[in-house]
Amino acid sequence: MNVWAIDKDIPLKLLLLELVHRYGENTLALNNQEQHFQAIDLCTLNDPSLSAYIYTFGQAPGRYGIDLKYPISMNNIVGENENLTLDQIIETLSIHLFS
C-alpha cells in the first residue's frame, strides 16, 4: 500500500504509516468503498470480518475516533471511542485486530 498515494488526510496517513511499520506491508487492507477524506475502514487480510472504521472528522486536531466492527453487527462498538491520540488508536487497533 502506497500510503502517500491514497486520498486521505495527513493524520490518517501517519496512522497507516505507523501500522505498516509495525505489522508489515501486506497485513492490512483498506475498504476502497469508504470515500470520506477523513475516514478509513481497515481490516486484516486474514480476517476481513473484523474491521475498524477510523475517522478524524468531528475530533480535536491530531485526534481520532474509531468504531469497532465484529462479524455479528449487534456487537459493534460505535461512537464510544473518540478523541484518541495516535498511541491510543494504535493500542485499540492492536487489541481489536491482532489479539
N, C-alpha and C. Protein backbone atom coordinates (compact mmCIF):
# COMPACT_ATOMS: atom_id res chain seq x y z
N MET A 1 0.85 -1.17 0.00
CA MET A 1 0.00 0.00 0.00
C MET A 1 0.90 1.23 0.00
N ASN A 2 0.71 2.07 -0.99
CA ASN A 2 1.42 3.35 -1.02
C ASN A 2 0.58 4.36 -0.26
N VAL A 3 0.93 4.59 0.98
CA VAL A 3 0.14 5.44 1.88
C VAL A 3 0.00 6.84 1.32
N TRP A 4 1.05 7.37 0.71
CA TRP A 4 1.00 8.75 0.24
C TRP A 4 0.15 8.91 -1.02
N ALA A 5 -0.16 7.80 -1.69
CA ALA A 5 -0.96 7.88 -2.91
C ALA A 5 -2.46 7.90 -2.64
N ILE A 6 -2.88 7.50 -1.44
CA ILE A 6 -4.31 7.50 -1.16
C ILE A 6 -4.79 8.90 -0.82
N ASP A 7 -6.04 9.17 -1.13
CA ASP A 7 -6.62 10.50 -0.94
C ASP A 7 -7.27 10.59 0.45
N LYS A 8 -6.44 10.67 1.47
CA LYS A 8 -6.91 10.79 2.85
C LYS A 8 -6.12 11.90 3.55
N ASP A 9 -6.65 12.39 4.67
CA ASP A 9 -5.96 13.48 5.34
C ASP A 9 -4.69 12.99 6.04
N ILE A 10 -3.81 13.91 6.35
CA ILE A 10 -2.47 13.58 6.87
C ILE A 10 -2.50 12.74 8.15
N PRO A 11 -3.33 13.04 9.17
CA PRO A 11 -3.32 12.18 10.36
C PRO A 11 -3.62 10.72 10.05
N LEU A 12 -4.52 10.46 9.10
CA LEU A 12 -4.80 9.07 8.73
C LEU A 12 -3.62 8.43 8.02
N LYS A 13 -2.94 9.20 7.19
CA LYS A 13 -1.74 8.68 6.52
C LYS A 13 -0.64 8.36 7.53
N LEU A 14 -0.48 9.23 8.54
CA LEU A 14 0.52 8.96 9.58
C LEU A 14 0.18 7.69 10.35
N LEU A 15 -1.09 7.48 10.64
CA LEU A 15 -1.52 6.25 11.29
C LEU A 15 -1.21 5.04 10.43
N LEU A 16 -1.54 5.12 9.15
CA LEU A 16 -1.27 4.00 8.25
C LEU A 16 0.22 3.70 8.14
N LEU A 17 1.03 4.74 8.08
CA LEU A 17 2.49 4.53 8.05
C LEU A 17 2.98 3.80 9.29
N GLU A 18 2.48 4.19 10.44
CA GLU A 18 2.88 3.53 11.69
C GLU A 18 2.41 2.07 11.71
N LEU A 19 1.22 1.81 11.22
CA LEU A 19 0.72 0.43 11.18
C LEU A 19 1.52 -0.43 10.21
N VAL A 20 1.87 0.11 9.06
CA VAL A 20 2.71 -0.63 8.10
C VAL A 20 4.07 -0.91 8.72
N HIS A 21 4.62 0.07 9.43
CA HIS A 21 5.91 -0.11 10.09
C HIS A 21 5.84 -1.23 11.14
N ARG A 22 4.76 -1.27 11.91
CA ARG A 22 4.63 -2.26 12.99
C ARG A 22 4.27 -3.66 12.51
N TYR A 23 3.37 -3.74 11.52
CA TYR A 23 2.79 -5.03 11.16
C TYR A 23 3.16 -5.52 9.77
N GLY A 24 3.83 -4.70 8.99
CA GLY A 24 4.23 -5.12 7.65
C GLY A 24 3.27 -4.61 6.59
N GLU A 25 3.76 -4.62 5.38
CA GLU A 25 3.03 -4.00 4.28
C GLU A 25 1.85 -4.83 3.79
N ASN A 26 1.88 -6.14 3.97
CA ASN A 26 0.82 -7.00 3.44
C ASN A 26 -0.01 -7.63 4.54
N THR A 27 -0.31 -6.84 5.56
CA THR A 27 -1.08 -7.34 6.70
C THR A 27 -2.48 -6.74 6.74
N LEU A 28 -2.60 -5.47 6.40
CA LEU A 28 -3.87 -4.76 6.49
C LEU A 28 -4.43 -4.43 5.12
N ALA A 29 -5.75 -4.32 5.07
CA ALA A 29 -6.43 -3.94 3.83
C ALA A 29 -7.36 -2.77 4.10
N LEU A 30 -7.44 -1.87 3.13
CA LEU A 30 -8.38 -0.76 3.19
C LEU A 30 -9.62 -1.12 2.40
N ASN A 31 -10.78 -0.80 2.95
CA ASN A 31 -12.02 -0.94 2.21
C ASN A 31 -12.10 0.25 1.27
N ASN A 32 -12.00 -0.01 -0.01
CA ASN A 32 -11.97 1.06 -1.01
C ASN A 32 -13.32 1.73 -1.21
N GLN A 33 -14.37 1.18 -0.63
CA GLN A 33 -15.69 1.80 -0.75
C GLN A 33 -15.81 3.04 0.13
N GLU A 34 -14.96 3.17 1.15
CA GLU A 34 -15.01 4.33 2.03
C GLU A 34 -14.43 5.53 1.29
N GLN A 35 -15.28 6.47 0.97
CA GLN A 35 -14.88 7.61 0.15
C GLN A 35 -14.61 8.89 0.95
N HIS A 36 -14.94 8.91 2.23
CA HIS A 36 -14.75 10.14 3.02
C HIS A 36 -13.26 10.43 3.18
N PHE A 37 -12.87 11.67 2.93
CA PHE A 37 -11.48 12.10 3.00
C PHE A 37 -10.88 11.92 4.40
N GLN A 38 -11.73 11.99 5.42
CA GLN A 38 -11.25 11.91 6.80
C GLN A 38 -11.64 10.60 7.48
N ALA A 39 -11.73 9.51 6.71
CA ALA A 39 -12.09 8.22 7.29
C ALA A 39 -11.49 7.08 6.48
N ILE A 40 -11.17 6.00 7.19
CA ILE A 40 -10.72 4.76 6.55
C ILE A 40 -11.41 3.59 7.24
N ASP A 41 -11.58 2.52 6.50
CA ASP A 41 -12.12 1.28 7.04
C ASP A 41 -11.05 0.23 6.84
N LEU A 42 -10.50 -0.29 7.95
CA LEU A 42 -9.37 -1.21 7.93
C LEU A 42 -9.76 -2.60 8.41
N CYS A 43 -9.15 -3.61 7.82
CA CYS A 43 -9.26 -4.97 8.34
C CYS A 43 -7.93 -5.67 8.06
N THR A 44 -7.75 -6.84 8.65
CA THR A 44 -6.57 -7.63 8.32
C THR A 44 -6.89 -8.48 7.09
N LEU A 45 -5.86 -8.84 6.35
CA LEU A 45 -6.07 -9.70 5.20
C LEU A 45 -6.55 -11.09 5.62
N ASN A 46 -6.15 -11.53 6.82
CA ASN A 46 -6.51 -12.86 7.30
C ASN A 46 -7.94 -12.96 7.80
N ASP A 47 -8.52 -11.85 8.28
CA ASP A 47 -9.87 -11.90 8.84
C ASP A 47 -10.64 -10.62 8.53
N PRO A 48 -11.20 -10.52 7.34
CA PRO A 48 -11.93 -9.31 6.98
C PRO A 48 -13.24 -9.13 7.73
N SER A 49 -13.67 -10.13 8.51
CA SER A 49 -14.91 -10.00 9.27
C SER A 49 -14.74 -9.07 10.47
N LEU A 50 -13.50 -8.86 10.91
CA LEU A 50 -13.19 -7.87 11.96
C LEU A 50 -12.64 -6.64 11.27
N SER A 51 -13.20 -5.49 11.56
CA SER A 51 -12.68 -4.28 10.94
C SER A 51 -12.80 -3.11 11.90
N ALA A 52 -12.19 -2.02 11.50
CA ALA A 52 -12.21 -0.79 12.30
C ALA A 52 -12.43 0.39 11.36
N TYR A 53 -13.40 1.21 11.70
CA TYR A 53 -13.68 2.44 10.96
C TYR A 53 -13.03 3.57 11.75
N ILE A 54 -12.02 4.18 11.17
CA ILE A 54 -11.23 5.21 11.86
C ILE A 54 -11.48 6.53 11.17
N TYR A 55 -11.72 7.56 11.96
CA TYR A 55 -12.07 8.86 11.38
C TYR A 55 -11.46 9.99 12.18
N THR A 56 -11.26 11.10 11.48
CA THR A 56 -10.74 12.31 12.12
C THR A 56 -11.76 13.43 12.11
N PHE A 57 -12.85 13.29 11.34
CA PHE A 57 -13.86 14.33 11.34
C PHE A 57 -14.57 14.37 12.70
N GLY A 58 -14.87 15.58 13.17
CA GLY A 58 -15.54 15.74 14.46
C GLY A 58 -14.64 15.53 15.65
N GLN A 59 -13.32 15.40 15.43
CA GLN A 59 -12.37 15.16 16.51
C GLN A 59 -11.49 16.40 16.68
N ALA A 60 -10.86 16.51 17.84
CA ALA A 60 -9.89 17.58 18.07
C ALA A 60 -8.72 17.37 17.11
N PRO A 61 -7.98 18.44 16.76
CA PRO A 61 -6.83 18.29 15.87
C PRO A 61 -5.85 17.23 16.38
N GLY A 62 -5.43 16.35 15.47
CA GLY A 62 -4.48 15.30 15.82
C GLY A 62 -5.10 14.14 16.59
N ARG A 63 -6.41 14.09 16.69
CA ARG A 63 -7.10 13.02 17.42
C ARG A 63 -7.94 12.20 16.46
N TYR A 64 -8.32 11.00 16.92
CA TYR A 64 -9.02 10.03 16.09
C TYR A 64 -10.25 9.49 16.83
N GLY A 65 -11.21 9.07 16.05
CA GLY A 65 -12.32 8.28 16.55
C GLY A 65 -12.26 6.92 15.88
N ILE A 66 -12.80 5.90 16.55
CA ILE A 66 -12.76 4.56 15.97
C ILE A 66 -14.03 3.80 16.34
N ASP A 67 -14.63 3.17 15.34
CA ASP A 67 -15.74 2.25 15.55
C ASP A 67 -15.22 0.85 15.28
N LEU A 68 -15.49 -0.06 16.20
CA LEU A 68 -15.00 -1.44 16.08
C LEU A 68 -16.12 -2.32 15.53
N LYS A 69 -15.83 -3.02 14.45
CA LYS A 69 -16.84 -3.85 13.80
C LYS A 69 -16.50 -5.32 13.98
N TYR A 70 -17.54 -6.11 14.28
CA TYR A 70 -17.41 -7.54 14.53
C TYR A 70 -18.27 -8.31 13.53
N PRO A 71 -18.05 -9.63 13.41
CA PRO A 71 -18.85 -10.43 12.48
C PRO A 71 -20.36 -10.34 12.76
N ILE A 72 -20.74 -10.25 14.01
CA ILE A 72 -22.15 -10.09 14.38
C ILE A 72 -22.35 -8.61 14.68
N SER A 73 -23.08 -7.92 13.82
CA SER A 73 -23.16 -6.46 13.88
C SER A 73 -23.73 -5.93 15.19
N MET A 74 -24.53 -6.72 15.89
CA MET A 74 -25.07 -6.23 17.17
C MET A 74 -23.96 -6.06 18.22
N ASN A 75 -22.78 -6.62 17.98
CA ASN A 75 -21.65 -6.48 18.89
C ASN A 75 -20.75 -5.30 18.55
N ASN A 76 -21.04 -4.61 17.45
CA ASN A 76 -20.21 -3.47 17.05
C ASN A 76 -20.17 -2.41 18.14
N ILE A 77 -19.04 -1.74 18.27
CA ILE A 77 -18.88 -0.64 19.22
C ILE A 77 -18.74 0.63 18.39
N VAL A 78 -19.78 1.45 18.43
CA VAL A 78 -19.86 2.64 17.57
C VAL A 78 -20.02 3.88 18.45
N GLY A 79 -19.18 4.89 18.18
CA GLY A 79 -19.31 6.18 18.83
C GLY A 79 -18.82 6.26 20.26
N GLU A 80 -18.15 5.24 20.75
CA GLU A 80 -17.70 5.23 22.14
C GLU A 80 -16.21 5.54 22.30
N ASN A 81 -15.46 5.54 21.21
CA ASN A 81 -14.02 5.76 21.27
C ASN A 81 -13.68 6.98 20.41
N GLU A 82 -13.67 8.14 21.03
CA GLU A 82 -13.42 9.37 20.29
C GLU A 82 -12.32 10.19 20.95
N ASN A 83 -11.75 11.09 20.15
CA ASN A 83 -10.67 11.98 20.58
C ASN A 83 -9.49 11.22 21.19
N LEU A 84 -9.12 10.12 20.53
CA LEU A 84 -7.99 9.31 20.97
C LEU A 84 -6.71 9.82 20.32
N THR A 85 -5.60 9.68 21.04
CA THR A 85 -4.29 10.03 20.50
C THR A 85 -3.84 8.93 19.52
N LEU A 86 -2.77 9.20 18.80
CA LEU A 86 -2.22 8.21 17.89
C LEU A 86 -1.85 6.93 18.65
N ASP A 87 -1.20 7.07 19.80
CA ASP A 87 -0.83 5.89 20.59
C ASP A 87 -2.06 5.11 21.05
N GLN A 88 -3.11 5.81 21.45
CA GLN A 88 -4.33 5.13 21.90
C GLN A 88 -5.02 4.40 20.76
N ILE A 89 -5.02 5.01 19.58
CA ILE A 89 -5.69 4.37 18.44
C ILE A 89 -4.91 3.13 18.00
N ILE A 90 -3.59 3.20 18.06
CA ILE A 90 -2.77 2.04 17.70
C ILE A 90 -2.98 0.92 18.71
N GLU A 91 -3.06 1.24 19.98
CA GLU A 91 -3.32 0.22 21.01
C GLU A 91 -4.69 -0.42 20.80
N THR A 92 -5.70 0.39 20.50
CA THR A 92 -7.03 -0.13 20.26
C THR A 92 -7.05 -1.06 19.05
N LEU A 93 -6.38 -0.65 17.98
CA LEU A 93 -6.30 -1.49 16.78
C LEU A 93 -5.54 -2.77 17.04
N SER A 94 -4.47 -2.70 17.82
CA SER A 94 -3.68 -3.89 18.14
C SER A 94 -4.52 -4.93 18.86
N ILE A 95 -5.33 -4.46 19.81
CA ILE A 95 -6.18 -5.38 20.57
C ILE A 95 -7.30 -5.91 19.67
N HIS A 96 -7.93 -5.04 18.93
CA HIS A 96 -9.10 -5.43 18.13
C HIS A 96 -8.72 -6.34 16.95
N LEU A 97 -7.69 -6.00 16.23
CA LEU A 97 -7.37 -6.74 15.00
C LEU A 97 -6.30 -7.82 15.16
N PHE A 98 -5.46 -7.72 16.18
CA PHE A 98 -4.30 -8.62 16.26
C PHE A 98 -4.22 -9.48 17.51
N SER A 99 -5.26 -9.50 18.33
CA SER A 99 -5.17 -10.36 19.53
C SER A 99 -6.23 -11.42 19.53
